[in-house]
Structures are given as C-alpha cells and as structure tokens.
C-alpha cells in the first residue's frame, strides 16, 4: 500500500494575463503611448502559446506611435519570431522562456527574439555558425508550414540571426517608411 495518496484533480483557474505582468512593466502592454519615448524594451515570456495575446500586446505597444499598417506588420513579424521560438527551440518546452527585445532607432524598430536553443541536444562547434534561411516555397499559400521566416524575409527591411543553434537570436529591422519591404508593393 502506497504511503502517499494520489493528488486529487485540481479545478481549472482562469487568470487574466495582465495579472502575470509586474506593475512596473504593465505599460509595455497597454497599447497606448502613455510613457516617454523608450530606447529599448525587454520582456521574458513563458514558453506557451497561451501567452501569444500578451506577446501581441507588447509588440503593438512598442509600435503604438506608428500608423496602423506599421503596427500590424511589426506585430505580425514579431509574432512569427515568437512562434518560431516556441515551435523550434527548447523555449517551447515545459519551463521554457524566450525574450523579446525591441530597440527604437531614428529610422525604425529592431526586434530581437532570444530563445533557449535547438530542440536537438547538439552544441555548435566554437567558431562555427549555422544561419537560418527562409523556405524558398514559404510564401506559397498552399504549403502548410514554413511561412514564418519567408514572411520576415519578404516584409522586414532586414533580418538575420546569430547562427548559434544552442542560443539562437533572430532579429528583424522594420524601417518606419517600410523601405525594402514587399508590404509597399502590395499596397
């Protein structure tokens, strides 16, 4: 006979996502321009897709001073980086986290997503890098996956990654005038 009784099922509890944000960081998620201009904002997100509304609120607030097209595009591309971190790295595992860092420049916003590295247990060799590349068929509407980096490649002004599979940092830069983006070609 077991000395420890099984734990009874716990009731499901719903907590507003805003309650998970410390009060000193809540202005990151308001969607309003109610603070002075910032140079950089950084936030660590839990490794679950349930936090995606919070991610989108963060991204929308970072671009709150811009027009609706810019905010939409910045939020779309940032959401793709966050989803890739969840799907393709240890950040999407239990207790995983990833970090979004938004840097404001004179000409645009740069977003960096830092994840916890590849799901595979391999380490990158010192001095050896393996950079990401978009799927060449990623913009085909009939493919089921592979659109994320293809969209970032087509719609961001520039993008790249650090090439390290055990500690990946993927970034994109989106110019305020949407220069070098296919978004201008579709408007």
C-alpha atoms as a PDB file:
ATOM      1  CA  UNK A   1       0.000   0.000   0.000  1.00  0.00           C
ATOM      2  CA  UNK A   2       1.332   3.424  -1.009  1.00  0.00           C
ATOM      3  CA  UNK A   3       2.195   5.832   1.792  1.00  0.00           C
ATOM      4  CA  UNK A   4       1.313   8.820  -0.405  1.00  0.00           C
ATOM      5  CA  UNK A   5      -2.256   9.257  -1.559  1.00  0.00           C
ATOM      6  CA  UNK A   6      -2.734  10.395  -5.161  1.00  0.00           C
ATOM      7  CA  UNK A   7      -3.343  14.093  -5.588  1.00  0.00           C
ATOM      8  CA  UNK A   8      -6.970  14.910  -6.418  1.00  0.00           C
ATOM      9  CA  UNK A   9      -7.695  16.729  -9.669  1.00  0.00           C
ATOM     10  CA  UNK A  10      -7.441  20.477  -9.279  1.00  0.00           C
ATOM     11  CA  UNK A  11     -10.075  22.823 -10.688  1.00  0.00           C
ATOM     12  CA  UNK A  12      -9.151  24.869 -13.737  1.00  0.00           C
ATOM     13  CA  UNK A  13      -8.483  28.504 -12.897  1.00  0.00           C
ATOM     14  CA  UNK A  14      -8.560  31.436 -15.277  1.00  0.00           C
ATOM     15  CA  UNK A  15      -6.233  34.324 -14.522  1.00  0.00           C
ATOM     16  CA  UNK A  16      -6.136  37.465 -16.673  1.00  0.00           C
ATOM     17  CA  UNK A  17      -2.788  37.620 -18.487  1.00  0.00           C
ATOM     18  CA  UNK A  18      -2.265  41.152 -17.199  1.00  0.00           C
ATOM     19  CA  UNK A  19      -2.049  39.787 -13.675  1.00  0.00           C
ATOM     20  CA  UNK A  20       1.111  37.921 -14.665  1.00  0.00           C
ATOM     21  CA  UNK A  21       2.871  41.192 -15.542  1.00  0.00           C
ATOM     22  CA  UNK A  22       4.672  43.085 -12.761  1.00  0.00           C
ATOM     23  CA  UNK A  23       3.134  46.549 -12.163  1.00  0.00           C
ATOM     24  CA  UNK A  24       6.344  48.340 -13.206  1.00  0.00           C
ATOM     25  CA  UNK A  25       6.084  46.705 -16.675  1.00  0.00           C
ATOM     26  CA  UNK A  26       2.335  46.974 -17.316  1.00  0.00           C
ATOM     27  CA  UNK A  27       2.801  49.988 -19.588  1.00  0.00           C
ATOM     28  CA  UNK A  28       4.543  47.599 -22.021  1.00  0.00           C
ATOM     29  CA  UNK A  29       1.168  46.024 -22.773  1.00  0.00           C
ATOM     30  CA  UNK A  30      -1.382  48.873 -22.761  1.00  0.00           C
ATOM     31  CA  UNK A  31      -1.364  49.576 -26.497  1.00  0.00           C
ATOM     32  CA  UNK A  32      -1.165  53.295 -25.704  1.00  0.00           C
ATOM     33  CA  UNK A  33       1.543  55.892 -25.925  1.00  0.00           C
ATOM     34  CA  UNK A  34       1.380  56.985 -22.305  1.00  0.00           C
ATOM     35  CA  UNK A  35       5.083  56.952 -21.469  1.00  0.00           C
ATOM     36  CA  UNK A  36       8.023  58.923 -22.745  1.00  0.00           C
ATOM     37  CA  UNK A  37       9.914  57.588 -25.731  1.00  0.00           C
ATOM     38  CA  UNK A  38      11.945  54.499 -24.939  1.00  0.00           C
ATOM     39  CA  UNK A  39      15.250  53.353 -26.337  1.00  0.00           C
ATOM     40  CA  UNK A  40      14.757  49.644 -25.587  1.00  0.00           C
ATOM     41  CA  UNK A  41      12.133  47.369 -24.051  1.00  0.00           C
ATOM     42  CA  UNK A  42      12.794  43.800 -22.955  1.00  0.00           C
ATOM     43  CA  UNK A  43      10.396  41.179 -21.664  1.00  0.00           C
ATOM     44  CA  UNK A  44      10.729  37.451 -20.912  1.00  0.00           C
ATOM     45  CA  UNK A  45       7.721  35.375 -21.986  1.00  0.00           C
ATOM     46  CA  UNK A  46       6.753  31.926 -20.776  1.00  0.00           C
ATOM     47  CA  UNK A  47       7.162  29.048 -23.191  1.00  0.00           C
ATOM     48  CA  UNK A  48       3.490  28.530 -24.009  1.00  0.00           C
ATOM     49  CA  UNK A  49       1.312  29.672 -26.896  1.00  0.00           C
ATOM     50  CA  UNK A  50      -1.193  30.831 -24.275  1.00  0.00           C
ATOM     51  CA  UNK A  51       0.977  33.944 -23.843  1.00  0.00           C
ATOM     52  CA  UNK A  52       0.602  34.996 -27.500  1.00  0.00           C
ATOM     53  CA  UNK A  53      -2.077  37.631 -26.736  1.00  0.00           C
ATOM     54  CA  UNK A  54       0.387  39.168 -24.287  1.00  0.00           C
ATOM     55  CA  UNK A  55       3.142  39.000 -26.926  1.00  0.00           C
ATOM     56  CA  UNK A  56       0.908  40.792 -29.443  1.00  0.00           C
ATOM     57  CA  UNK A  57       0.011  43.450 -26.870  1.00  0.00           C
ATOM     58  CA  UNK A  58       3.723  44.001 -26.172  1.00  0.00           C
ATOM     59  CA  UNK A  59       4.523  44.320 -29.889  1.00  0.00           C
ATOM     60  CA  UNK A  60       1.560  46.599 -30.570  1.00  0.00           C
ATOM     61  CA  UNK A  61       2.576  48.887 -27.716  1.00  0.00           C
ATOM     62  CA  UNK A  62       6.175  49.039 -28.955  1.00  0.00           C
ATOM     63  CA  UNK A  63       4.883  50.374 -32.296  1.00  0.00           C
ATOM     64  CA  UNK A  64       1.996  52.411 -30.833  1.00  0.00           C
ATOM     65  CA  UNK A  65       3.265  55.733 -32.213  1.00  0.00           C
ATOM     66  CA  UNK A  66       3.204  54.483 -35.799  1.00  0.00           C
ATOM     67  CA  UNK A  67       0.312  54.159 -38.266  1.00  0.00           C
ATOM     68  CA  UNK A  68      -1.934  51.097 -38.348  1.00  0.00           C
ATOM     69  CA  UNK A  69      -0.090  49.406 -41.263  1.00  0.00           C
ATOM     70  CA  UNK A  70       3.232  49.664 -39.466  1.00  0.00           C
ATOM     71  CA  UNK A  71       1.806  48.414 -36.151  1.00  0.00           C
ATOM     72  CA  UNK A  72       0.107  45.490 -37.896  1.00  0.00           C
ATOM     73  CA  UNK A  73       3.234  44.492 -39.807  1.00  0.00           C
ATOM     74  CA  UNK A  74       5.542  44.851 -36.777  1.00  0.00           C
ATOM     75  CA  UNK A  75       3.161  42.756 -34.655  1.00  0.00           C
ATOM     76  CA  UNK A  76       2.798  40.112 -37.383  1.00  0.00           C
ATOM     77  CA  UNK A  77       6.553  39.702 -37.866  1.00  0.00           C
ATOM     78  CA  UNK A  78       7.264  39.747 -34.127  1.00  0.00           C
ATOM     79  CA  UNK A  79       4.586  37.101 -33.547  1.00  0.00           C
ATOM     80  CA  UNK A  80       6.291  34.914 -36.141  1.00  0.00           C
ATOM     81  CA  UNK A  81       9.604  35.116 -34.281  1.00  0.00           C
ATOM     82  CA  UNK A  82       7.859  34.258 -31.002  1.00  0.00           C
ATOM     83  CA  UNK A  83       6.012  31.314 -32.584  1.00  0.00           C
ATOM     84  CA  UNK A  84       9.264  30.020 -34.084  1.00  0.00           C
ATOM     85  CA  UNK A  85      10.920  30.177 -30.663  1.00  0.00           C
ATOM     86  CA  UNK A  86       8.054  28.131 -29.209  1.00  0.00           C
ATOM     87  CA  UNK A  87       7.931  25.602 -32.023  1.00  0.00           C
ATOM     88  CA  UNK A  88      11.585  25.079 -32.893  1.00  0.00           C
ATOM     89  CA  UNK A  89      13.523  25.605 -29.651  1.00  0.00           C
ATOM     90  CA  UNK A  90      13.683  24.481 -26.048  1.00  0.00           C
ATOM     91  CA  UNK A  91      11.791  27.680 -25.198  1.00  0.00           C
ATOM     92  CA  UNK A  92       8.566  25.856 -26.084  1.00  0.00           C
ATOM     93  CA  UNK A  93       9.296  23.027 -23.629  1.00  0.00           C
ATOM     94  CA  UNK A  94       7.939  22.993 -20.048  1.00  0.00           C
ATOM     95  CA  UNK A  95       9.538  25.811 -18.037  1.00  0.00           C
ATOM     96  CA  UNK A  96      10.932  27.336 -21.232  1.00  0.00           C
ATOM     97  CA  UNK A  97      11.192  31.074 -21.802  1.00  0.00           C
ATOM     98  CA  UNK A  98      12.151  33.393 -24.622  1.00  0.00           C
ATOM     99  CA  UNK A  99      12.941  37.087 -24.612  1.00  0.00           C
ATOM    100  CA  UNK A 100      11.751  39.833 -26.927  1.00  0.00           C
ATOM    101  CA  UNK A 101      13.859  42.989 -27.085  1.00  0.00           C
ATOM    102  CA  UNK A 102      12.575  45.989 -29.019  1.00  0.00           C
ATOM    103  CA  UNK A 103      15.058  48.745 -29.815  1.00  0.00           C
ATOM    104  CA  UNK A 104      13.915  52.106 -31.137  1.00  0.00           C
ATOM    105  CA  UNK A 105      16.205  53.864 -33.604  1.00  0.00           C
ATOM    106  CA  UNK A 106      15.875  57.085 -35.525  1.00  0.00           C
ATOM    107  CA  UNK A 107      14.742  55.210 -38.654  1.00  0.00           C
ATOM    108  CA  UNK A 108      12.790  52.195 -37.373  1.00  0.00           C
ATOM    109  CA  UNK A 109      12.292  49.439 -34.817  1.00  0.00           C
ATOM    110  CA  UNK A 110      14.534  46.412 -34.354  1.00  0.00           C
ATOM    111  CA  UNK A 111      13.105  43.341 -32.629  1.00  0.00           C
ATOM    112  CA  UNK A 112      15.309  40.517 -31.347  1.00  0.00           C
ATOM    113  CA  UNK A 113      13.960  37.182 -30.125  1.00  0.00           C
ATOM    114  CA  UNK A 114      16.337  35.191 -27.897  1.00  0.00           C
ATOM    115  CA  UNK A 115      15.410  31.566 -27.365  1.00  0.00           C
ATOM    116  CA  UNK A 116      16.919  28.709 -25.377  1.00  0.00           C
ATOM    117  CA  UNK A 117      18.413  26.915 -28.344  1.00  0.00           C
ATOM    118  CA  UNK A 118      17.692  23.981 -30.587  1.00  0.00           C
ATOM    119  CA  UNK A 119      15.485  21.078 -29.531  1.00  0.00           C
ATOM    120  CA  UNK A 120      18.297  18.777 -30.593  1.00  0.00           C
ATOM    121  CA  UNK A 121      20.980  18.104 -27.993  1.00  0.00           C
ATOM    122  CA  UNK A 122      23.795  19.209 -30.242  1.00  0.00           C
ATOM    123  CA  UNK A 123      26.042  22.139 -29.447  1.00  0.00           C
ATOM    124  CA  UNK A 124      27.535  24.369 -32.074  1.00  0.00           C
ATOM    125  CA  UNK A 125      31.262  23.992 -32.517  1.00  0.00           C
ATOM    126  CA  UNK A 126      33.293  27.007 -31.394  1.00  0.00           C
ATOM    127  CA  UNK A 127      33.611  29.449 -34.255  1.00  0.00           C
ATOM    128  CA  UNK A 128      31.125  27.530 -36.411  1.00  0.00           C
ATOM    129  CA  UNK A 129      27.803  29.117 -37.235  1.00  0.00           C
ATOM    130  CA  UNK A 130      24.643  27.800 -38.859  1.00  0.00           C
ATOM    131  CA  UNK A 131      22.430  30.630 -40.054  1.00  0.00           C
ATOM    132  CA  UNK A 132      18.725  30.309 -40.718  1.00  0.00           C
ATOM    133  CA  UNK A 133      17.314  30.566 -44.230  1.00  0.00           C
ATOM    134  CA  UNK A 134      13.700  31.042 -45.291  1.00  0.00           C
ATOM    135  CA  UNK A 135      11.892  28.225 -47.063  1.00  0.00           C
ATOM    136  CA  UNK A 136      12.005  29.087 -50.793  1.00  0.00           C
ATOM    137  CA  UNK A 137       8.371  27.962 -51.103  1.00  0.00           C
ATOM    138  CA  UNK A 138       7.299  29.635 -47.864  1.00  0.00           C
ATOM    139  CA  UNK A 139       5.096  32.279 -49.486  1.00  0.00           C
ATOM    140  CA  UNK A 140       3.135  29.673 -51.433  1.00  0.00           C
ATOM    141  CA  UNK A 141      -0.403  29.793 -49.970  1.00  0.00           C
ATOM    142  CA  UNK A 142      -0.811  26.036 -50.461  1.00  0.00           C
ATOM    143  CA  UNK A 143       2.053  24.903 -48.208  1.00  0.00           C
ATOM    144  CA  UNK A 144       1.164  24.041 -44.615  1.00  0.00           C
ATOM    145  CA  UNK A 145       4.273  25.360 -42.854  1.00  0.00           C
ATOM    146  CA  UNK A 146       7.469  27.265 -43.435  1.00  0.00           C
ATOM    147  CA  UNK A 147       5.871  30.668 -43.933  1.00  0.00           C
ATOM    148  CA  UNK A 148       7.327  32.399 -40.863  1.00  0.00           C
ATOM    149  CA  UNK A 149      10.857  33.217 -41.972  1.00  0.00           C
ATOM    150  CA  UNK A 150       9.713  33.651 -45.579  1.00  0.00           C
ATOM    151  CA  UNK A 151       7.340  36.392 -44.400  1.00  0.00           C
ATOM    152  CA  UNK A 152      10.051  38.000 -42.282  1.00  0.00           C
ATOM    153  CA  UNK A 153      12.426  37.861 -45.272  1.00  0.00           C
ATOM    154  CA  UNK A 154       9.866  39.444 -47.612  1.00  0.00           C
ATOM    155  CA  UNK A 155       8.301  42.022 -45.320  1.00  0.00           C
ATOM    156  CA  UNK A 156      11.081  43.213 -42.989  1.00  0.00           C
ATOM    157  CA  UNK A 157      13.595  45.832 -44.102  1.00  0.00           C
ATOM    158  CA  UNK A 158      16.385  43.465 -42.996  1.00  0.00           C
ATOM    159  CA  UNK A 159      16.743  40.423 -40.748  1.00  0.00           C
ATOM    160  CA  UNK A 160      19.248  37.868 -39.550  1.00  0.00           C
ATOM    161  CA  UNK A 161      20.351  35.605 -36.725  1.00  0.00           C
ATOM    162  CA  UNK A 162      23.462  34.922 -34.690  1.00  0.00           C
ATOM    163  CA  UNK A 163      23.988  31.475 -36.255  1.00  0.00           C
ATOM    164  CA  UNK A 164      24.310  29.676 -32.920  1.00  0.00           C
ATOM    165  CA  UNK A 165      21.907  26.734 -32.580  1.00  0.00           C
ATOM    166  CA  UNK A 166      22.403  26.399 -28.809  1.00  0.00           C
ATOM    167  CA  UNK A 167      21.496  30.039 -28.091  1.00  0.00           C
ATOM    168  CA  UNK A 168      19.615  31.480 -31.058  1.00  0.00           C
ATOM    169  CA  UNK A 169      18.943  35.181 -31.509  1.00  0.00           C
ATOM    170  CA  UNK A 170      16.797  36.090 -34.500  1.00  0.00           C
ATOM    171  CA  UNK A 171      16.176  39.752 -35.295  1.00  0.00           C
ATOM    172  CA  UNK A 172      14.480  41.943 -37.848  1.00  0.00           C
ATOM    173  CA  UNK A 173      14.534  45.653 -38.553  1.00  0.00           C
ATOM    174  CA  UNK A 174      11.449  47.424 -39.875  1.00  0.00           C
ATOM    175  CA  UNK A 175      12.024  50.937 -41.206  1.00  0.00           C
ATOM    176  CA  UNK A 176       9.344  53.481 -40.365  1.00  0.00           C
ATOM    177  CA  UNK A 177       8.855  54.175 -44.076  1.00  0.00           C
ATOM    178  CA  UNK A 178       8.657  50.391 -44.764  1.00  0.00           C
ATOM    179  CA  UNK A 179      11.607  50.672 -47.152  1.00  0.00           C
ATOM    180  CA  UNK A 180      12.802  47.423 -48.757  1.00  0.00           C
ATOM    181  CA  UNK A 181       9.586  45.659 -47.719  1.00  0.00           C
ATOM    182  CA  UNK A 182       7.199  43.903 -50.091  1.00  0.00           C
ATOM    183  CA  UNK A 183       4.454  45.485 -47.984  1.00  0.00           C
ATOM    184  CA  UNK A 184       4.853  48.653 -50.081  1.00  0.00           C
ATOM    185  CA  UNK A 185       4.493  46.607 -53.282  1.00  0.00           C
ATOM    186  CA  UNK A 186       1.161  45.170 -52.121  1.00  0.00           C
ATOM    187  CA  UNK A 187      -0.391  48.447 -51.021  1.00  0.00           C
END
